Amino acid sequence: MSVLLVERDGATHTVRTFDNAHAPEEHHEHRYIGSAKQAPIVTHGSVNDAMHAVEIKLREGWSDIVRSWENTR
């Protein structure tokens, strides 16, 4: 599992989570609108490929993800 957290106003907020809780080959990306968890984007494939994609997405796009989340608060 990977989680993108942000600290705002002295509190920690979950912005995005990535997991494969249902099956090793089923990958979920959960967006949050404010503190409400949204239905996941579901992809399928190897765990290694999924985690590599998450790492790239977070390294290259974390600021856009956080900015999008901030617009929903």
PDB file of N, CA and C in Angstrom:
ATOM      1  N   MET A   1       0.848  -1.177   0.000  1.00  0.00           N
ATOM      2  CA  MET A   1       0.000   0.000   0.000  1.00  0.00           C
ATOM      3  C   MET A   1       0.891   1.237   0.000  1.00  0.00           C
ATOM      4  N   SER A   2       0.464   2.215  -0.758  1.00  0.00           N
ATOM      5  CA  SER A   2       1.128   3.520  -0.771  1.00  0.00           C
ATOM      6  C   SER A   2       0.082   4.584  -0.457  1.00  0.00           C
ATOM      7  N   VAL A   3       0.509   5.603   0.277  1.00  0.00           N
ATOM      8  CA  VAL A   3      -0.420   6.654   0.696  1.00  0.00           C
ATOM      9  C   VAL A   3       0.260   8.003   0.490  1.00  0.00           C
ATOM     10  N   LEU A   4      -0.492   8.945  -0.077  1.00  0.00           N
ATOM     11  CA  LEU A   4      -0.032  10.328  -0.188  1.00  0.00           C
ATOM     12  C   LEU A   4      -0.774  11.129   0.867  1.00  0.00           C
ATOM     13  N   LEU A   5      -0.008  11.669   1.815  1.00  0.00           N
ATOM     14  CA  LEU A   5      -0.557  12.470   2.907  1.00  0.00           C
ATOM     15  C   LEU A   5      -0.091  13.910   2.751  1.00  0.00           C
ATOM     16  N   VAL A   6      -0.889  14.838   3.282  1.00  0.00           N
ATOM     17  CA  VAL A   6      -0.494  16.236   3.294  1.00  0.00           C
ATOM     18  C   VAL A   6      -0.876  16.813   4.659  1.00  0.00           C
ATOM     19  N   GLU A   7      -0.037  17.720   5.156  1.00  0.00           N
ATOM     20  CA  GLU A   7      -0.351  18.389   6.414  1.00  0.00           C
ATOM     21  C   GLU A   7      -0.867  19.785   6.102  1.00  0.00           C
ATOM     22  N   ARG A   8      -2.043  20.077   6.587  1.00  0.00           N
ATOM     23  CA  ARG A   8      -2.661  21.393   6.416  1.00  0.00           C
ATOM     24  C   ARG A   8      -3.344  21.782   7.722  1.00  0.00           C
ATOM     25  N   ASP A   9      -3.147  23.021   8.131  1.00  0.00           N
ATOM     26  CA  ASP A   9      -3.812  23.552   9.322  1.00  0.00           C
ATOM     27  C   ASP A   9      -3.578  22.671  10.542  1.00  0.00           C
ATOM     28  N   GLY A  10      -2.371  22.129  10.677  1.00  0.00           N
ATOM     29  CA  GLY A  10      -2.017  21.324  11.839  1.00  0.00           C
ATOM     30  C   GLY A  10      -2.589  19.920  11.845  1.00  0.00           C
ATOM     31  N   ALA A  11      -3.201  19.480  10.746  1.00  0.00           N
ATOM     32  CA  ALA A  11      -3.770  18.131  10.679  1.00  0.00           C
ATOM     33  C   ALA A  11      -3.221  17.404   9.457  1.00  0.00           C
ATOM     34  N   THR A  12      -3.139  16.096   9.554  1.00  0.00           N
ATOM     35  CA  THR A  12      -2.695  15.271   8.435  1.00  0.00           C
ATOM     36  C   THR A  12      -3.911  14.755   7.691  1.00  0.00           C
ATOM     37  N   HIS A  13      -3.888  14.875   6.364  1.00  0.00           N
ATOM     38  CA  HIS A  13      -5.014  14.470   5.517  1.00  0.00           C
ATOM     39  C   HIS A  13      -4.541  13.442   4.495  1.00  0.00           C
ATOM     40  N   THR A  14      -5.367  12.431   4.253  1.00  0.00           N
ATOM     41  CA  THR A  14      -5.103  11.465   3.201  1.00  0.00           C
ATOM     42  C   THR A  14      -5.594  12.050   1.888  1.00  0.00           C
ATOM     43  N   VAL A  15      -4.736  12.072   0.892  1.00  0.00           N
ATOM     44  CA  VAL A  15      -5.062  12.647  -0.412  1.00  0.00           C
ATOM     45  C   VAL A  15      -5.296  11.535  -1.437  1.00  0.00           C
ATOM     46  N   ARG A  16      -4.476  10.485  -1.391  1.00  0.00           N
ATOM     47  CA  ARG A  16      -4.582   9.396  -2.367  1.00  0.00           C
ATOM     48  C   ARG A  16      -4.048   8.125  -1.727  1.00  0.00           C
ATOM     49  N   THR A  17      -4.694   6.993  -1.967  1.00  0.00           N
ATOM     50  CA  THR A  17      -4.179   5.704  -1.528  1.00  0.00           C
ATOM     51  C   THR A  17      -4.133   4.752  -2.721  1.00  0.00           C
ATOM     52  N   PHE A  18      -3.180   3.846  -2.671  1.00  0.00           N
ATOM     53  CA  PHE A  18      -2.999   2.825  -3.695  1.00  0.00           C
ATOM     54  C   PHE A  18      -2.881   1.487  -2.963  1.00  0.00           C
ATOM     55  N   ASP A  19      -3.679   0.493  -3.359  1.00  0.00           N
ATOM     56  CA  ASP A  19      -3.613  -0.800  -2.678  1.00  0.00           C
ATOM     57  C   ASP A  19      -3.979  -1.935  -3.622  1.00  0.00           C
ATOM     58  N   ASN A  20      -3.750  -3.153  -3.141  1.00  0.00           N
ATOM     59  CA  ASN A  20      -4.208  -4.355  -3.824  1.00  0.00           C
ATOM     60  C   ASN A  20      -4.857  -5.264  -2.781  1.00  0.00           C
ATOM     61  N   ALA A  21      -5.773  -4.701  -2.009  1.00  0.00           N
ATOM     62  CA  ALA A  21      -6.374  -5.377  -0.861  1.00  0.00           C
ATOM     63  C   ALA A  21      -7.232  -6.583  -1.237  1.00  0.00           C
ATOM     64  N   HIS A  22      -7.785  -6.607  -2.442  1.00  0.00           N
ATOM     65  CA  HIS A  22      -8.705  -7.682  -2.813  1.00  0.00           C
ATOM     66  C   HIS A  22      -8.012  -8.861  -3.471  1.00  0.00           C
ATOM     67  N   ALA A  23      -6.936  -8.598  -4.188  1.00  0.00           N
ATOM     68  CA  ALA A  23      -6.185  -9.668  -4.860  1.00  0.00           C
ATOM     69  C   ALA A  23      -4.831  -9.094  -5.283  1.00  0.00           C
ATOM     70  N   PRO A  24      -3.803  -9.929  -5.303  1.00  0.00           N
ATOM     71  CA  PRO A  24      -2.475  -9.422  -5.656  1.00  0.00           C
ATOM     72  C   PRO A  24      -2.404  -8.760  -7.031  1.00  0.00           C
ATOM     73  N   GLU A  25      -3.214  -9.192  -7.962  1.00  0.00           N
ATOM     74  CA  GLU A  25      -3.155  -8.657  -9.326  1.00  0.00           C
ATOM     75  C   GLU A  25      -4.192  -7.560  -9.592  1.00  0.00           C
ATOM     76  N   GLU A  26      -4.968  -7.187  -8.559  1.00  0.00           N
ATOM     77  CA  GLU A  26      -5.994  -6.142  -8.704  1.00  0.00           C
ATOM     78  C   GLU A  26      -5.547  -4.915  -7.910  1.00  0.00           C
ATOM     79  N   HIS A  27      -5.389  -3.798  -8.589  1.00  0.00           N
ATOM     80  CA  HIS A  27      -4.810  -2.603  -7.971  1.00  0.00           C
ATOM     81  C   HIS A  27      -5.828  -1.473  -7.939  1.00  0.00           C
ATOM     82  N   HIS A  28      -5.957  -0.835  -6.775  1.00  0.00           N
ATOM     83  CA  HIS A  28      -6.914   0.253  -6.577  1.00  0.00           C
ATOM     84  C   HIS A  28      -6.185   1.557  -6.329  1.00  0.00           C
ATOM     85  N   GLU A  29      -6.690   2.604  -6.934  1.00  0.00           N
ATOM     86  CA  GLU A  29      -6.238   3.963  -6.650  1.00  0.00           C
ATOM     87  C   GLU A  29      -7.455   4.728  -6.155  1.00  0.00           C
ATOM     88  N   HIS A  30      -7.423   5.133  -4.887  1.00  0.00           N
ATOM     89  CA  HIS A  30      -8.540   5.867  -4.281  1.00  0.00           C
ATOM     90  C   HIS A  30      -8.200   7.347  -4.195  1.00  0.00           C
ATOM     91  N   ARG A  31      -9.051   8.172  -4.771  1.00  0.00           N
ATOM     92  CA  ARG A  31      -8.949   9.621  -4.614  1.00  0.00           C
ATOM     93  C   ARG A  31      -9.776   9.998  -3.390  1.00  0.00           C
ATOM     94  N   TYR A  32      -9.470  11.145  -2.842  1.00  0.00           N
ATOM     95  CA  TYR A  32     -10.256  11.690  -1.736  1.00  0.00           C
ATOM     96  C   TYR A  32     -10.759  13.058  -2.143  1.00  0.00           C
ATOM     97  N   ILE A  33     -12.018  13.322  -1.850  1.00  0.00           N
ATOM     98  CA  ILE A  33     -12.596  14.652  -2.002  1.00  0.00           C
ATOM     99  C   ILE A  33     -12.834  15.127  -0.580  1.00  0.00           C
ATOM    100  N   GLY A  34     -12.027  16.105  -0.162  1.00  0.00           N
ATOM    101  CA  GLY A  34     -12.008  16.452   1.255  1.00  0.00           C
ATOM    102  C   GLY A  34     -11.526  15.220   2.006  1.00  0.00           C
ATOM    103  N   SER A  35     -12.323  14.721   2.936  1.00  0.00           N
ATOM    104  CA  SER A  35     -11.954  13.508   3.670  1.00  0.00           C
ATOM    105  C   SER A  35     -12.741  12.293   3.193  1.00  0.00           C
ATOM    106  N   ALA A  36     -13.549  12.451   2.148  1.00  0.00           N
ATOM    107  CA  ALA A  36     -14.393  11.355   1.661  1.00  0.00           C
ATOM    108  C   ALA A  36     -13.653  10.527   0.606  1.00  0.00           C
ATOM    109  N   LYS A  37     -13.512   9.236   0.891  1.00  0.00           N
ATOM    110  CA  LYS A  37     -12.862   8.318  -0.034  1.00  0.00           C
ATOM    111  C   LYS A  37     -13.795   8.032  -1.203  1.00  0.00           C
ATOM    112  N   GLN A  38     -13.266   8.112  -2.411  1.00  0.00           N
ATOM    113  CA  GLN A  38     -14.058   7.904  -3.619  1.00  0.00           C
ATOM    114  C   GLN A  38     -13.898   6.475  -4.124  1.00  0.00           C
ATOM    115  N   ALA A  39     -14.796   6.065  -5.002  1.00  0.00           N
ATOM    116  CA  ALA A  39     -14.689   4.745  -5.623  1.00  0.00           C
ATOM    117  C   ALA A  39     -13.339   4.640  -6.331  1.00  0.00           C
ATOM    118  N   PRO A  40     -12.730   3.454  -6.309  1.00  0.00           N
ATOM    119  CA  PRO A  40     -11.379   3.334  -6.851  1.00  0.00           C
ATOM    120  C   PRO A  40     -11.330   3.260  -8.371  1.00  0.00           C
ATOM    121  N   ILE A  41     -10.187   3.663  -8.889  1.00  0.00           N
ATOM    122  CA  ILE A  41      -9.808   3.337 -10.254  1.00  0.00           C
ATOM    123  C   ILE A  41      -9.148   1.968 -10.143  1.00  0.00           C
ATOM    124  N   VAL A  42      -9.604   0.989 -10.903  1.00  0.00           N
ATOM    125  CA  VAL A  42      -9.100  -0.374 -10.790  1.00  0.00           C
ATOM    126  C   VAL A  42      -8.295  -0.730 -12.038  1.00  0.00           C
ATOM    127  N   THR A  43      -7.102  -1.267 -11.815  1.00  0.00           N
ATOM    128  CA  THR A  43      -6.283  -1.790 -12.903  1.00  0.00           C
ATOM    129  C   THR A  43      -5.843  -3.198 -12.526  1.00  0.00           C
ATOM    130  N   HIS A  44      -5.364  -3.936 -13.511  1.00  0.00           N
ATOM    131  CA  HIS A  44      -4.911  -5.306 -13.274  1.00  0.00           C
ATOM    132  C   HIS A  44      -3.503  -5.482 -13.838  1.00  0.00           C
ATOM    133  N   GLY A  45      -2.718  -6.299 -13.172  1.00  0.00           N
ATOM    134  CA  GLY A  45      -1.361  -6.572 -13.625  1.00  0.00           C
ATOM    135  C   GLY A  45      -0.502  -7.019 -12.470  1.00  0.00           C
ATOM    136  N   SER A  46       0.778  -7.125 -12.725  1.00  0.00           N
ATOM    137  CA  SER A  46       1.688  -7.605 -11.685  1.00  0.00           C
ATOM    138  C   SER A  46       1.861  -6.550 -10.590  1.00  0.00           C
ATOM    139  N   VAL A  47       2.130  -7.018  -9.403  1.00  0.00           N
ATOM    140  CA  VAL A  47       2.353  -6.120  -8.266  1.00  0.00           C
ATOM    141  C   VAL A  47       3.557  -5.216  -8.545  1.00  0.00           C
ATOM    142  N   ASN A  48       4.627  -5.778  -9.071  1.00  0.00           N
ATOM    143  CA  ASN A  48       5.831  -4.977  -9.342  1.00  0.00           C
ATOM    144  C   ASN A  48       5.549  -3.865 -10.339  1.00  0.00           C
ATOM    145  N   ASP A  49       4.818  -4.174 -11.406  1.00  0.00           N
ATOM    146  CA  ASP A  49       4.485  -3.144 -12.393  1.00  0.00           C
ATOM    147  C   ASP A  49       3.605  -2.064 -11.788  1.00  0.00           C
ATOM    148  N   ALA A  50       2.645  -2.475 -10.964  1.00  0.00           N
ATOM    149  CA  ALA A  50       1.734  -1.511 -10.340  1.00  0.00           C
ATOM    150  C   ALA A  50       2.482  -0.594  -9.386  1.00  0.00           C
ATOM    151  N   MET A  51       3.351  -1.149  -8.553  1.00  0.00           N
ATOM    152  CA  MET A  51       4.083  -0.321  -7.595  1.00  0.00           C
ATOM    153  C   MET A  51       5.060   0.616  -8.309  1.00  0.00           C
ATOM    154  N   HIS A  52       5.645   0.152  -9.388  1.00  0.00           N
ATOM    155  CA  HIS A  52       6.534   1.022 -10.169  1.00  0.00           C
ATOM    156  C   HIS A  52       5.740   2.196 -10.744  1.00  0.00           C
ATOM    157  N   ALA A  53       4.551   1.915 -11.269  1.00  0.00           N
ATOM    158  CA  ALA A  53       3.704   2.977 -11.827  1.00  0.00           C
ATOM    159  C   ALA A  53       3.295   3.977 -10.751  1.00  0.00           C
ATOM    160  N   VAL A  54       2.978   3.482  -9.548  1.00  0.00           N
ATOM    161  CA  VAL A  54       2.614   4.368  -8.437  1.00  0.00           C
ATOM    162  C   VAL A  54       3.796   5.256  -8.060  1.00  0.00           C
ATOM    163  N   GLU A  55       4.975   4.663  -7.970  1.00  0.00           N
ATOM    164  CA  GLU A  55       6.159   5.439  -7.610  1.00  0.00           C
ATOM    165  C   GLU A  55       6.389   6.573  -8.611  1.00  0.00           C
ATOM    166  N   ILE A  56       6.296   6.270  -9.885  1.00  0.00           N
ATOM    167  CA  ILE A  56       6.478   7.302 -10.911  1.00  0.00           C
ATOM    168  C   ILE A  56       5.389   8.362 -10.807  1.00  0.00           C
ATOM    169  N   LYS A  57       4.133   7.922 -10.649  1.00  0.00           N
ATOM    170  CA  LYS A  57       3.015   8.865 -10.564  1.00  0.00           C
ATOM    171  C   LYS A  57       3.205   9.828  -9.396  1.00  0.00           C
ATOM    172  N   LEU A  58       3.599   9.303  -8.240  1.00  0.00           N
ATOM    173  CA  LEU A  58       3.763  10.158  -7.068  1.00  0.00           C
ATOM    174  C   LEU A  58       4.998  11.056  -7.184  1.00  0.00           C
ATOM    175  N   ARG A  59       6.091  10.540  -7.688  1.00  0.00           N
ATOM    176  CA  ARG A  59       7.301  11.362  -7.835  1.00  0.00           C
ATOM    177  C   ARG A  59       7.086  12.504  -8.809  1.00  0.00           C
ATOM    178  N   GLU A  60       6.423  12.208  -9.923  1.00  0.00           N
ATOM    179  CA  GLU A  60       6.274  13.209 -10.973  1.00  0.00           C
ATOM    180  C   GLU A  60       5.023  14.071 -10.838  1.00  0.00           C
ATOM    181  N   GLY A  61       4.002  13.570 -10.142  1.00  0.00           N
ATOM    182  CA  GLY A  61       2.742  14.290 -10.148  1.00  0.00           C
ATOM    183  C   GLY A  61       2.146  14.632  -8.802  1.00  0.00           C
ATOM    184  N   TRP A  62       2.923  14.464  -7.718  1.00  0.00           N
ATOM    185  CA  TRP A  62       2.341  14.674  -6.393  1.00  0.00           C
ATOM    186  C   TRP A  62       1.781  16.081  -6.230  1.00  0.00           C
ATOM    187  N   SER A  63       2.444  17.072  -6.770  1.00  0.00           N
ATOM    188  CA  SER A  63       1.970  18.446  -6.560  1.00  0.00           C
ATOM    189  C   SER A  63       0.630  18.676  -7.268  1.00  0.00           C
ATOM    190  N   ASP A  64       0.449  18.122  -8.460  1.00  0.00           N
ATOM    191  CA  ASP A  64      -0.840  18.240  -9.151  1.00  0.00           C
ATOM    192  C   ASP A  64      -1.932  17.484  -8.412  1.00  0.00           C
ATOM    193  N   ILE A  65      -1.591  16.323  -7.861  1.00  0.00           N
ATOM    194  CA  ILE A  65      -2.565  15.537  -7.097  1.00  0.00           C
ATOM    195  C   ILE A  65      -3.006  16.318  -5.862  1.00  0.00           C
ATOM    196  N   VAL A  66      -2.047  16.893  -5.139  1.00  0.00           N
ATOM    197  CA  VAL A  66      -2.372  17.668  -3.939  1.00  0.00           C
ATOM    198  C   VAL A  66      -3.178  18.905  -4.312  1.00  0.00           C
ATOM    199  N   ARG A  67      -2.802  19.586  -5.367  1.00  0.00           N
ATOM    200  CA  ARG A  67      -3.531  20.779  -5.798  1.00  0.00           C
ATOM    201  C   ARG A  67      -4.992  20.421  -6.150  1.00  0.00           C
ATOM    202  N   SER A  68      -5.177  19.318  -6.832  1.00  0.00           N
ATOM    203  CA  SER A  68      -6.530  18.872  -7.170  1.00  0.00           C
ATOM    204  C   SER A  68      -7.334  18.589  -5.901  1.00  0.00           C
ATOM    205  N   TRP A  69      -6.705  17.909  -4.930  1.00  0.00           N
ATOM    206  CA  TRP A  69      -7.376  17.625  -3.658  1.00  0.00           C
ATOM    207  C   TRP A  69      -7.722  18.927  -2.932  1.00  0.00           C
ATOM    208  N   GLU A  70      -6.785  19.884  -2.913  1.00  0.00           N
ATOM    209  CA  GLU A  70      -7.039  21.141  -2.220  1.00  0.00           C
ATOM    210  C   GLU A  70      -8.235  21.871  -2.812  1.00  0.00           C
ATOM    211  N   ASN A  71      -8.473  21.740  -4.095  1.00  0.00           N
ATOM    212  CA  ASN A  71      -9.617  22.383  -4.742  1.00  0.00           C
ATOM    213  C   ASN A  71     -10.954  21.773  -4.334  1.00  0.00           C
ATOM    214  N   THR A  72     -10.926  20.601  -3.660  1.00  0.00           N
ATOM    215  CA  THR A  72     -12.171  19.957  -3.215  1.00  0.00           C
ATOM    216  C   THR A  72     -12.495  20.230  -1.760  1.00  0.00           C
ATOM    217  N   ARG A  73     -11.587  20.901  -1.057  1.00  0.00           N
ATOM    218  CA  ARG A  73     -11.796  21.129   0.385  1.00  0.00           C
ATOM    219  C   ARG A  73     -12.824  22.194   0.626  1.00  0.00           C
TER     220      ARG A  73
END
